[in-house]
Protein backbone atom coordinates (compact mmCIF):
# COMPACT_ATOMS: atom_id res chain seq x y z
CA MET A 1 -97.04 -51.14 91.60
CA LEU A 2 -95.46 -48.75 89.42
CA GLY A 3 -92.04 -49.14 92.02
CA LEU A 4 -92.28 -53.00 91.25
CA THR A 5 -92.68 -52.58 87.56
CA SER A 6 -89.48 -50.37 87.18
CA LYS A 7 -87.88 -52.92 89.64
CA LEU A 8 -88.39 -55.86 87.37
CA LYS A 9 -87.26 -53.96 84.23
CA ASN A 10 -83.92 -52.89 85.64
CA ASN A 11 -83.10 -55.69 87.91
CA ALA A 12 -82.11 -59.55 87.24
CA ILE A 13 -84.28 -62.16 88.62
CA GLY A 14 -82.01 -62.91 91.54
CA PRO A 15 -82.59 -59.54 93.74
CA MET A 16 -86.28 -60.06 93.07
CA ASP A 17 -85.96 -63.55 94.43
CA GLU A 18 -84.45 -62.17 98.06
CA ASP A 19 -87.45 -59.41 97.83
CA VAL A 20 -90.01 -62.47 97.70
CA GLN A 21 -88.30 -64.39 100.59
CA ALA A 22 -88.42 -61.08 102.53
CA ALA A 23 -92.36 -60.58 101.67
CA ALA A 24 -92.79 -64.27 102.65
CA ALA A 25 -90.81 -64.26 105.89
CA ARG A 26 -92.91 -61.26 106.90
CA LEU A 27 -96.12 -62.72 106.25
CA VAL A 28 -95.22 -66.08 107.70
CA ARG A 29 -94.32 -64.12 111.17
CA ARG A 30 -97.91 -63.16 111.13
CA ILE A 31 -99.20 -66.32 110.62
CA LYS A 32 -97.31 -68.06 113.43
CA GLU A 33 -98.00 -65.08 115.94
CA GLY A 34 -101.89 -66.26 115.55
CA GLY A 35 -101.23 -69.93 115.37
CA HIS A 36 -102.93 -70.00 112.08
CA THR A 37 -102.45 -71.72 108.66
CA ILE A 38 -102.18 -70.80 105.05
CA THR A 39 -102.80 -72.60 101.69
CA VAL A 40 -102.27 -71.47 98.07
CA ALA A 41 -104.02 -72.13 94.73
CA GLU A 42 -101.42 -70.81 91.69
CA SER A 43 -102.35 -71.04 88.12
CA CYS A 44 -99.74 -68.91 86.14
CA THR A 45 -96.91 -68.98 88.79
CA GLY A 46 -96.90 -72.54 89.00
CA GLY A 47 -96.00 -73.39 92.21
CA LEU A 48 -93.56 -70.50 92.94
CA LEU A 49 -95.58 -69.00 95.77
CA ALA A 50 -95.61 -72.42 97.21
CA SER A 51 -91.92 -72.65 96.94
CA ALA A 52 -91.51 -69.38 98.83
CA PHE A 53 -93.24 -70.58 101.82
CA THR A 54 -91.67 -73.83 102.15
CA ASP A 55 -88.18 -72.71 101.80
CA ILE A 56 -88.71 -71.29 105.12
CA ALA A 57 -87.98 -73.94 108.01
CA GLY A 58 -90.53 -75.21 109.67
CA ALA A 59 -93.19 -74.76 107.08
CA SER A 60 -95.03 -77.79 107.71
CA ALA A 61 -96.33 -76.38 111.24
CA TRP A 62 -98.48 -73.52 109.34
CA PHE A 63 -98.34 -74.84 105.76
CA ASN A 64 -100.18 -77.90 104.78
CA GLN A 65 -101.27 -78.17 101.14
CA GLY A 66 -101.37 -76.19 97.81
CA TRP A 67 -102.78 -76.51 94.39
CA ILE A 68 -101.38 -75.78 90.91
CA THR A 69 -104.56 -75.52 88.80
CA TYR A 70 -103.09 -74.49 85.47
CA SER A 71 -106.09 -75.25 83.14
CA ASN A 72 -109.74 -74.00 83.63
CA ASP A 73 -110.85 -77.79 84.04
CA ALA A 74 -108.69 -77.98 86.98
CA LYS A 75 -109.64 -74.77 88.75
CA ILE A 76 -113.35 -76.03 88.33
CA LYS A 77 -112.56 -79.54 89.29
CA GLU A 78 -110.02 -78.93 92.22
CA LEU A 79 -111.37 -75.54 93.58
CA ASP A 80 -114.89 -75.53 92.82
CA VAL A 81 -114.80 -72.50 90.61
CA ARG A 82 -117.79 -71.91 88.75
CA SER A 83 -117.63 -72.69 85.00
CA GLU A 84 -120.14 -69.42 84.37
CA SER A 85 -117.61 -67.38 85.78
CA ILE A 86 -114.63 -68.63 83.69
CA GLU A 87 -117.09 -68.24 80.32
CA LYS A 88 -118.24 -64.74 81.56
CA LYS A 89 -115.05 -63.09 83.03
CA GLY A 90 -112.11 -65.23 81.76
CA ALA A 91 -109.85 -67.11 83.94
CA VAL A 92 -107.85 -63.96 84.81
CA SER A 93 -110.27 -61.81 86.77
CA ALA A 94 -111.16 -60.82 90.00
CA GLU A 95 -114.34 -63.46 90.38
CA VAL A 96 -112.03 -66.33 89.43
CA ALA A 97 -109.10 -65.51 91.81
CA ILE A 98 -111.63 -65.06 94.81
CA GLN A 99 -113.41 -68.44 93.89
CA MET A 100 -109.97 -70.18 93.71
CA ALA A 101 -108.92 -68.89 97.01
CA GLN A 102 -111.95 -69.58 98.65
CA GLY A 103 -111.68 -73.13 97.33
CA ALA A 104 -108.43 -73.63 98.48
CA LEU A 105 -109.19 -72.50 102.05
CA LYS A 106 -112.35 -74.70 102.36
CA ASN A 107 -110.43 -77.87 100.83
CA ALA A 108 -107.12 -77.25 103.12
CA ASN A 109 -108.99 -75.98 106.16
CA ALA A 110 -106.92 -73.28 106.60
CA ASP A 111 -107.19 -69.78 108.04
CA ILE A 112 -106.05 -67.91 105.30
CA ALA A 113 -105.67 -68.91 101.47
CA ILE A 114 -103.93 -66.87 98.49
CA SER A 115 -104.54 -67.78 94.87
CA ILE A 116 -103.09 -66.29 91.36
CA THR A 117 -104.24 -65.88 88.27
CA GLY A 118 -102.63 -64.20 85.50
CA ILE A 119 -101.24 -63.95 82.18
CA ALA A 120 -97.25 -64.17 82.41
CA GLY A 121 -96.55 -64.02 78.59
CA PRO A 122 -95.20 -63.77 76.16
CA LYS A 123 -98.59 -64.07 74.51
CA ASN A 124 -102.15 -63.63 75.75
CA ASP A 125 -103.50 -66.42 74.86
CA GLY A 126 -105.84 -64.98 72.42
CA THR A 127 -107.51 -62.88 75.12
CA ASN A 128 -107.89 -59.23 75.31
CA LYS A 129 -106.02 -58.94 78.47
CA LYS A 130 -102.69 -57.74 78.60
CA VAL A 131 -99.47 -59.74 79.35
CA GLY A 132 -98.29 -58.93 82.71
CA LEU A 133 -102.01 -58.60 84.37
CA VAL A 134 -102.31 -60.77 87.55
CA TYR A 135 -105.57 -61.02 90.01
CA VAL A 136 -104.71 -62.23 93.30
CA GLY A 137 -107.63 -63.36 95.63
CA ILE A 138 -107.15 -63.69 99.29
CA ALA A 139 -109.72 -65.45 101.46
CA SER A 140 -110.25 -65.91 105.36
CA ASN A 141 -113.20 -67.49 107.09
CA ASN A 142 -114.56 -64.08 107.42
CA TRP A 143 -113.75 -62.26 104.27
CA ALA A 144 -112.42 -62.54 100.64
CA ASN A 145 -111.31 -59.81 98.03
CA ALA A 146 -109.04 -59.69 95.08
CA GLU A 147 -105.96 -57.43 94.29
CA SER A 148 -104.89 -56.62 90.46
CA THR A 149 -102.14 -55.06 89.01
CA GLN A 150 -100.05 -54.80 85.81
CA ILE A 151 -96.19 -55.99 85.58
CA GLY A 152 -94.25 -54.91 82.35
CA GLY A 153 -91.67 -57.93 82.32
CA ASN A 154 -90.85 -60.70 80.35
CA ARG A 155 -92.25 -64.29 81.43
CA ALA A 156 -90.14 -65.01 84.55
CA GLU A 157 -89.93 -61.81 85.78
CA ASN A 158 -93.88 -61.38 85.50
CA LYS A 159 -94.00 -64.72 87.53
CA ILE A 160 -91.85 -63.75 90.41
CA GLY A 161 -93.43 -60.39 90.16
CA PHE A 162 -97.20 -61.93 90.82
CA VAL A 163 -95.74 -63.88 93.58
CA HIS A 164 -94.31 -60.69 95.30
CA PHE A 165 -97.25 -58.78 94.60
CA ALA A 166 -99.41 -61.44 95.85
CA LEU A 167 -97.26 -61.72 99.11
CA LEU A 168 -97.22 -58.00 99.66
CA SER A 169 -101.04 -57.72 99.06
CA THR A 170 -101.61 -60.53 101.72
CA ILE A 171 -99.77 -58.56 104.51
CA LYS A 172 -101.39 -55.26 103.34
CA ARG A 173 -105.33 -57.15 103.85
CA TRP A 174 -103.92 -59.13 106.71
CA ASP A 175 -102.81 -55.83 108.65
CA GLU A 176 -106.48 -54.13 107.72
CA ALA A 177 -108.11 -57.21 108.96
CA MET A 178 -106.06 -57.26 112.31
CA VAL A 179 -106.82 -53.27 112.90
CA GLN A 180 -110.63 -54.07 112.02
CA ALA A 181 -110.60 -57.32 114.18
CA GLU A 182 -109.08 -55.23 117.16
CA GLU A 183 -111.76 -52.27 116.26
CA HIS A 184 -114.37 -54.66 116.66
CA ARG A 185 -113.15 -56.34 119.67
CA LYS A 186 -113.23 -53.16 121.37
CA GLU A 187 -116.65 -51.90 120.08
CA MET A 188 -117.75 -55.45 121.84
CA VAL A 189 -116.04 -54.48 125.19
CA ARG A 190 -118.22 -51.03 124.83
CA GLN A 191 -121.05 -52.49 124.14
CA LYS A 192 -120.71 -55.02 126.80
CA ALA A 193 -119.53 -52.44 129.80
CA GLU A 194 -122.75 -50.24 128.38
CA LEU A 195 -125.24 -52.94 128.79
CA GLU A 196 -123.59 -53.86 132.31
CA SER A 197 -124.23 -50.05 133.31
CA GLU A 198 -128.03 -49.94 131.92
CA LYS A 199 -128.51 -53.05 134.02
CA ILE A 200 -127.11 -51.84 137.18
CA GLN A 201 -128.97 -48.33 136.70
CA PHE A 202 -132.04 -50.57 136.18
CA GLU A 203 -131.66 -52.27 139.07
CA LEU A 204 -131.07 -49.51 141.16
CA GLU A 205 -134.13 -47.82 139.74
CA ARG A 206 -136.40 -51.06 140.51
CA ALA A 207 -135.01 -50.98 144.07
CA GLU A 208 -136.03 -47.43 144.64
CA ARG A 209 -139.47 -47.73 143.05
CA GLU A 210 -140.04 -50.79 145.13
CA ALA A 211 -138.92 -48.93 148.33
CA ALA A 212 -141.17 -46.14 147.52
CA ALA A 213 -143.94 -48.29 146.98
CA SER A 214 -143.57 -49.99 150.26
CA GLN A 215 -143.67 -46.73 152.09
CA SER A 216 -147.11 -45.34 150.62
CA ALA A 217 -148.73 -49.04 150.40
CA PRO A 218 -152.10 -48.51 152.75
CA TRP A 219 -151.71 -51.47 154.72
CA GLN A 220 -148.39 -50.25 156.08
CA ASP A 221 -149.85 -48.78 159.44
CA ASP A 222 -151.61 -52.31 160.19
CA ALA A 223 -148.11 -54.03 159.89
CA TRP A 224 -147.57 -56.82 162.50
CA ASP A 225 -144.00 -58.42 163.45
CA GLY A 226 -145.83 -61.04 165.12
CA GLU A 227 -144.74 -60.02 168.69
CA GLY A 228 -147.44 -58.24 171.02
CA ALA A 229 -150.82 -57.60 170.26
CA PRO A 230 -151.83 -57.73 166.42
CA PRO A 231 -153.41 -54.34 165.75
CA THR A 232 -156.97 -53.73 165.88
CA ARG A 233 -159.48 -54.06 163.14
CA ASP A 234 -161.77 -50.91 161.81
CA THR A 235 -165.26 -52.74 162.69
CA SER A 236 -166.99 -49.76 161.10
CA LEU A 237 -168.17 -51.32 158.43
CA ASP A 238 -169.41 -54.23 160.58
CA ASP A 239 -171.44 -51.49 162.55
CA GLU A 240 -173.07 -50.07 159.51
CA VAL A 241 -174.65 -53.48 158.28
CA GLN A 242 -177.95 -54.61 159.08
CA TRP A 243 -178.24 -58.09 159.90
CA ASP A 244 -181.87 -59.79 159.69
């Protein structure tokens, strides 16, 4: 994220707005291609991420709702963040970011969720964490993870930088998930083909065993197809029996 930090330091907020819009559009294209829906849970960015999405025409088709949970109580009440996680790790942490995303995902019944929790500044509110630190949580119904970076701008620049980082992180994770899903699909196809091949081979071998068993059966010579005289029965055993 050094490039993003440098850009924040050397440019006004306007150009970053364009970068955010471009990143949002890139992510939305991916969402729309699969017919998915997205939701967000924001803290320090105060709705900027949701705004980036709803600036795109037709957002109602894939963006239903989002949350701005600025206080810890709101995170716990609205997103089911565990209070012990906040007490042990702090609100700005990977654990809380993931729980925020998972809570939003569940409550919105969406396919993917993004959360942002960070320290925009100018003060760190008494924590030992630096201003500009942010954690982004990304969750789907199959996986969840958190990304983190440190940005060195002022409060307004940090908030926009946090949103940009969240979008870029989600695009990266989305693409990785799609690659993994495709690899999984191919593996399932390979396994299915292998099972079908094994089944066919088993049936062939069974047919061969049955044919061999039929050819070597001791009663094969006495087989009668129902036409002509039936085969004569060996009565030698009767001849040896002494009857009283």
